[in-house]
Protein backbone atom coordinates (compact mmCIF):
# COMPACT_ATOMS: atom_id res chain seq x y z
CA MET A 1 127.89 74.63 76.53
CA LEU A 2 125.48 75.85 73.78
CA SER A 3 125.20 74.01 70.76
CA ASN A 4 124.44 75.99 67.19
CA LYS A 5 120.79 74.83 67.54
CA ASP A 6 120.24 76.44 71.15
CA PRO A 7 119.14 79.85 71.46
CA GLU A 8 120.40 82.71 74.06
CA VAL A 9 117.41 83.28 75.05
CA LEU A 10 114.14 81.30 75.29
CA ILE A 11 110.72 82.92 76.22
CA VAL A 12 107.78 81.17 77.30
CA GLY A 13 104.96 83.02 76.81
CA ALA A 14 103.46 84.57 73.69
CA GLY A 15 101.35 87.84 75.34
CA PRO A 16 102.30 91.40 74.99
CA THR A 17 105.25 90.85 77.20
CA GLY A 18 106.87 87.98 75.67
CA LEU A 19 106.05 89.58 72.13
CA MET A 20 107.94 92.68 72.78
CA LEU A 21 110.60 91.13 74.29
CA ALA A 22 110.99 88.92 71.44
CA CYS A 23 110.56 92.28 69.13
CA GLY A 24 113.63 94.03 71.16
CA LEU A 25 115.64 90.51 70.66
CA VAL A 26 115.39 90.13 66.87
CA ARG A 27 116.44 93.98 66.22
CA ARG A 28 119.58 93.15 67.85
CA GLY A 29 120.09 89.77 66.19
CA VAL A 30 120.28 87.66 68.93
CA PRO A 31 119.41 84.14 68.98
CA PHE A 32 116.05 83.04 70.63
CA ARG A 33 112.85 80.89 70.61
CA ILE A 34 109.44 81.99 72.04
CA ILE A 35 106.79 79.16 72.81
CA ASP A 36 103.12 79.27 73.68
CA LYS A 37 100.69 76.57 74.66
CA LYS A 38 97.85 78.80 73.02
CA GLN A 39 96.77 77.83 69.84
CA GLY A 40 97.56 81.36 68.27
CA LEU A 41 97.12 85.29 69.25
CA SER A 42 94.46 86.70 71.80
CA THR A 43 90.99 87.26 70.20
CA HIS A 44 89.55 88.99 73.43
CA VAL A 45 90.18 92.22 74.76
CA LYS A 46 92.32 92.21 78.39
CA ALA A 47 94.63 94.47 78.57
CA SER A 48 93.72 97.87 76.47
CA GLU A 49 95.57 101.27 77.29
CA VAL A 50 99.35 101.90 75.19
CA THR A 51 100.91 104.88 77.29
CA PRO A 52 102.47 107.07 75.78
CA ALA A 53 105.93 105.74 76.63
CA SER A 54 104.80 102.59 74.72
CA LEU A 55 103.95 104.55 71.44
CA GLU A 56 107.28 105.96 71.67
CA ILE A 57 108.82 102.26 71.22
CA PHE A 58 106.05 101.99 68.53
CA GLU A 59 107.40 104.66 66.61
CA ASP A 60 110.67 103.46 67.21
CA TYR A 61 109.28 99.98 65.80
CA GLY A 62 107.64 101.65 63.05
CA ILE A 63 104.55 100.61 64.10
CA ILE A 64 102.53 103.39 64.91
CA ASP A 65 100.78 104.33 62.04
CA ASP A 66 98.93 100.86 62.25
CA ALA A 67 98.49 101.35 66.20
CA LEU A 68 96.99 104.76 65.54
CA ARG A 69 94.67 103.20 62.84
CA LEU A 70 93.29 100.66 64.89
CA GLY A 71 93.16 102.23 68.23
CA VAL A 72 91.08 104.83 69.65
CA LYS A 73 93.10 108.08 70.95
CA VAL A 74 92.00 109.02 74.21
CA SER A 75 93.21 112.65 75.50
CA SER A 76 90.89 113.63 78.25
CA PHE A 77 88.63 112.06 81.14
CA LYS A 78 85.84 113.25 82.88
CA MET A 79 84.34 112.14 86.30
CA TYR A 80 80.82 112.42 88.10
CA ALA A 81 79.71 112.11 91.71
CA HIS A 82 76.36 111.70 91.90
CA GLY A 83 75.39 112.92 88.20
CA LYS A 84 77.69 115.99 88.91
CA PRO A 85 80.72 116.59 87.25
CA VAL A 86 83.56 117.01 89.12
CA TRP A 87 86.68 117.00 87.57
CA GLN A 88 87.78 117.01 83.94
CA GLY A 89 91.73 115.92 83.28
CA GLN A 90 94.02 116.26 80.01
CA TYR A 91 97.20 114.41 79.07
CA GLY A 92 98.42 117.46 77.07
CA GLU A 93 101.16 118.10 80.09
CA ILE A 94 102.88 114.93 79.32
CA ASP A 95 106.50 115.09 78.05
CA SER A 96 106.12 112.98 75.00
CA PRO A 97 105.10 113.49 71.05
CA TYR A 98 102.10 111.36 72.21
CA ARG A 99 100.19 113.27 74.68
CA TYR A 100 97.31 111.03 74.67
CA GLN A 101 96.91 107.09 75.46
CA VAL A 102 95.65 105.07 72.69
CA HIS A 103 93.23 102.14 73.60
CA LEU A 104 94.07 99.31 71.29
CA GLY A 105 93.27 96.11 72.96
CA GLN A 106 95.38 93.14 73.52
CA PRO A 107 94.43 91.85 70.30
CA TYR A 108 95.78 94.28 67.90
CA THR A 109 98.63 94.88 70.45
CA GLU A 110 99.64 91.72 69.70
CA GLN A 111 99.00 91.40 65.68
CA LEU A 112 101.12 94.51 65.26
CA LEU A 113 104.18 93.23 67.61
CA SER A 114 103.81 89.75 65.93
CA GLY A 115 103.80 91.16 62.47
CA PHE A 116 107.04 93.02 63.19
CA LEU A 117 108.46 89.69 64.75
CA GLU A 118 107.50 87.91 61.45
CA GLU A 119 108.64 90.45 59.06
CA ARG A 120 112.50 90.10 60.50
CA GLY A 121 112.11 86.41 60.58
CA GLY A 122 111.09 85.16 63.63
CA GLN A 123 107.95 83.22 64.62
CA VAL A 124 105.93 81.88 67.83
CA GLU A 125 105.86 78.56 68.15
CA TRP A 126 102.24 77.94 69.12
CA GLU A 127 101.04 74.81 70.81
CA THR A 128 104.43 74.15 72.96
CA GLU A 129 104.61 74.31 76.41
CA LEU A 130 107.65 74.09 78.92
CA ILE A 131 107.17 70.80 80.95
CA SER A 132 110.32 71.31 83.29
CA PHE A 133 113.76 72.97 83.25
CA LYS A 134 116.45 72.81 85.43
CA ASP A 135 119.91 75.56 85.88
CA LEU A 136 122.79 74.36 85.18
CA GLY A 137 124.65 77.47 86.05
CA GLU A 138 126.31 78.11 82.24
CA ALA A 139 122.99 77.30 81.01
CA VAL A 140 119.26 76.29 81.24
CA GLU A 141 117.91 72.85 80.14
CA VAL A 142 114.34 72.95 79.62
CA VAL A 143 112.31 70.12 78.35
CA ILE A 144 109.03 71.50 76.03
CA ARG A 145 106.06 69.80 74.38
CA SER A 146 104.86 69.93 71.62
CA ASP A 147 101.04 69.71 70.74
CA ASP A 148 101.60 66.37 68.85
CA GLY A 149 103.25 64.83 72.02
CA SER A 150 106.74 64.95 70.79
CA GLU A 151 109.38 66.39 73.63
CA GLU A 152 112.60 68.16 73.04
CA VAL A 153 115.31 69.69 75.62
CA VAL A 154 116.41 72.77 75.06
CA HIS A 155 119.43 74.49 76.15
CA SER A 156 119.16 78.42 76.51
CA ARG A 157 121.33 80.70 78.06
CA TYR A 158 118.65 82.36 79.71
CA LEU A 159 115.01 81.76 80.36
CA CYS A 160 112.01 84.30 80.27
CA ALA A 161 109.08 83.59 82.05
CA CYS A 162 106.14 85.71 80.57
CA ASP A 163 103.64 82.98 80.97
CA GLY A 164 100.98 84.83 82.91
CA ALA A 165 99.54 84.86 86.37
CA SER A 166 99.39 81.35 86.67
CA SER A 167 103.10 81.00 85.31
CA ARG A 168 103.98 77.51 85.25
CA ILE A 169 107.72 78.48 85.65
CA ARG A 170 107.10 80.73 88.59
CA ALA A 171 105.31 77.49 90.34
CA GLN A 172 108.92 75.46 89.51
CA LEU A 173 110.95 77.77 91.24
CA ASN A 174 108.28 77.68 94.54
CA LEU A 175 108.07 81.61 93.94
CA GLU A 176 104.87 82.85 96.31
CA ILE A 177 103.88 86.05 94.47
CA GLU A 178 103.10 88.07 97.50
CA GLY A 179 100.22 90.88 98.16
CA HIS A 180 96.27 91.08 98.71
CA THR A 181 93.17 90.26 97.38
CA TYR A 182 90.88 93.52 98.19
CA PRO A 183 87.51 92.74 99.46
CA ALA A 184 85.44 93.60 96.50
CA ASP A 185 83.83 91.88 93.54
CA ASN A 186 84.31 93.60 89.96
CA LEU A 187 82.09 92.91 87.26
CA ILE A 188 83.92 93.61 83.54
CA GLY A 189 82.34 93.78 80.24
CA ASN A 190 83.12 94.87 76.63
CA VAL A 191 79.60 96.24 74.83
CA LYS A 192 78.50 98.42 72.11
CA MET A 193 76.52 101.16 73.93
CA ASP A 194 74.08 103.32 72.23
CA TRP A 195 74.29 106.76 74.24
CA GLY A 196 76.08 109.40 72.18
CA GLU A 197 78.79 110.72 73.80
CA PRO A 198 82.41 111.12 72.44
CA GLN A 199 84.17 107.77 72.07
CA ASP A 200 87.55 109.58 72.90
CA VAL A 201 87.29 110.12 76.95
CA VAL A 202 87.67 107.88 79.85
CA TYR A 203 84.16 108.55 81.97
CA VAL A 204 84.21 107.76 85.54
CA PHE A 205 81.24 107.70 87.65
CA PHE A 206 81.04 107.45 91.73
CA SER A 207 77.43 107.04 93.17
CA ASP A 208 75.96 105.55 96.09
CA ALA A 209 76.18 102.06 94.89
CA GLY A 210 79.86 102.15 93.91
CA GLU A 211 82.09 103.59 91.29
CA MET A 212 82.44 102.69 87.93
CA THR A 213 84.86 103.21 84.61
CA VAL A 214 83.84 103.86 80.89
CA ASN A 215 86.49 103.25 78.75
CA PRO A 216 86.59 103.40 74.80
CA LEU A 217 87.70 100.50 72.65
CA PRO A 218 88.54 99.79 68.94
CA ASP A 219 85.40 99.02 66.82
CA GLY A 220 83.18 100.90 68.65
CA TYR A 221 83.24 98.73 71.82
CA HIS A 222 83.29 100.02 75.43
CA GLN A 223 84.66 98.41 78.45
CA ILE A 224 82.48 98.86 81.39
CA ASN A 225 84.06 98.44 84.77
CA GLY A 226 82.21 98.35 88.55
CA SER A 227 83.01 96.88 91.87
CA PHE A 228 80.85 95.70 95.06
CA ARG A 229 82.61 96.04 98.35
CA LEU A 230 82.01 92.86 100.39
CA SER A 231 80.61 92.98 103.83
CA LYS A 232 81.71 90.35 106.28
CA GLY A 233 79.97 86.88 105.51
CA THR A 234 78.96 88.03 102.09
CA PRO A 235 79.73 85.79 99.32
CA SER A 236 81.96 86.70 96.42
CA ARG A 237 80.23 87.02 92.58
CA LYS A 238 83.70 85.52 91.31
CA ASP A 239 82.27 82.09 90.42
CA MET A 240 79.21 83.56 88.79
CA THR A 241 78.56 83.74 85.09
CA ALA A 242 78.12 87.37 84.54
CA THR A 243 75.10 88.51 82.21
CA LEU A 244 74.60 91.29 79.80
CA ALA A 245 71.43 92.09 82.05
CA ASP A 246 74.10 92.31 85.47
CA LEU A 247 76.06 94.77 83.69
CA GLN A 248 73.29 97.14 82.55
CA SER A 249 71.88 96.94 86.00
CA LEU A 250 75.21 98.42 87.11
CA PHE A 251 75.28 100.76 84.51
CA ASP A 252 72.01 101.75 84.95
CA GLN A 253 72.66 102.20 88.98
CA ARG A 254 75.66 104.08 88.62
CA SER A 255 75.48 106.71 85.24
CA HIS A 256 73.25 109.83 85.09
CA ILE A 257 73.67 109.58 81.08
CA PRO A 258 71.34 106.54 79.58
CA ALA A 259 72.88 103.87 77.44
CA ARG A 260 71.57 100.86 75.76
CA LEU A 261 74.33 98.17 75.94
CA SER A 262 74.46 95.61 73.35
CA GLU A 263 76.84 92.88 71.26
CA PRO A 264 78.85 91.51 74.42
CA ASP A 265 82.60 90.51 73.65
CA ARG A 266 83.74 89.07 77.24
CA LEU A 267 81.67 89.60 80.59
CA SER A 268 82.90 88.26 83.92
CA TYR A 269 83.33 88.87 87.64
CA TYR A 270 86.76 89.15 89.36
CA MET A 271 88.46 89.99 92.74
CA ASN A 272 91.12 92.56 92.42
CA HIS A 273 94.59 91.55 93.68
CA HIS A 274 98.02 93.47 94.31
CA ARG A 275 100.69 90.92 93.88
CA ALA A 276 104.57 90.80 93.31
CA VAL A 277 107.17 88.37 93.42
CA SER A 278 109.92 89.41 95.84
CA ARG A 279 112.52 88.51 93.08
CA GLN A 280 112.09 88.97 89.42
CA LYS A 281 115.61 87.12 88.67
CA VAL A 282 116.57 83.98 89.83
CA GLY A 283 120.12 82.50 88.55
CA ARG A 284 119.40 82.33 84.68
CA VAL A 285 115.88 82.72 85.08
CA PHE A 286 113.65 86.10 84.80
CA LEU A 287 109.77 86.49 85.60
CA LEU A 288 108.80 89.12 83.64
CA GLY A 289 104.85 90.86 83.18
CA ASP A 290 101.86 88.81 85.17
CA ALA A 291 104.50 86.07 86.19
CA ALA A 292 106.14 88.55 87.96
CA HIS A 293 103.19 90.49 89.21
CA ILE A 294 99.42 90.98 88.75
CA VAL A 295 97.72 94.43 89.16
CA SER A 296 93.75 94.01 88.07
CA PRO A 297 92.23 96.49 85.88
CA ASN A 298 91.42 99.72 87.17
């Protein structure tokens, strides 16, 4: 049985998924705890796009004005093939008060949700990690460890795994994240761009060298992402260190619009995955976000 100090819900992971869940629980007065082994909120842009449906939730939470102030409204996208325009799309037909996406960036998204949570008395227990858990039927018994090495046994009615693609909870459940790794390398980077194009448009380029997307980000940044198809026997770049010169070369080969890239914030090679667990609920344990499914950017 749960005691007065035990939460109804223990959330492991304070990224956007865990924070959004915590915000929903605090609004409804459901006792919860949210822990994360990191030191604090994200500082690098990973996920960036906030859809109209999510913007409607932000409006309900009263944080929409800050989201619009901090983010970049994107209402259209342009596609080019071999330097020629082939299609321009608009988000204007979406059945929503917000007929656009907002490219906000994960740090700002987490800041807004964390602020909402703290204003209502909730807080993340940082540098605290899940060590093990046991589903007892009526509750889940969880061992957590703080940064000072002390351990605590928590009993919660539900355990929610929001602990990302390398989820410890998923591993302890012996759940495989099934799917595919596609035979292509990708190079991604967040950079400043000197190119004179509008900031509120997503660009897609197709060329003999491959495809590339250019997404606007807050603070004058853009996220550039391009792929390299791997032929049989070609070694992957995924373990290589990406450089600004690599990204500049990719851009120059695939865009007919010249640009100078600078001030890189994040550069990396990665491989595309499409994977998911077969079950998102096991007893009193739920898997959410990247703990349950992995869809790589673009």
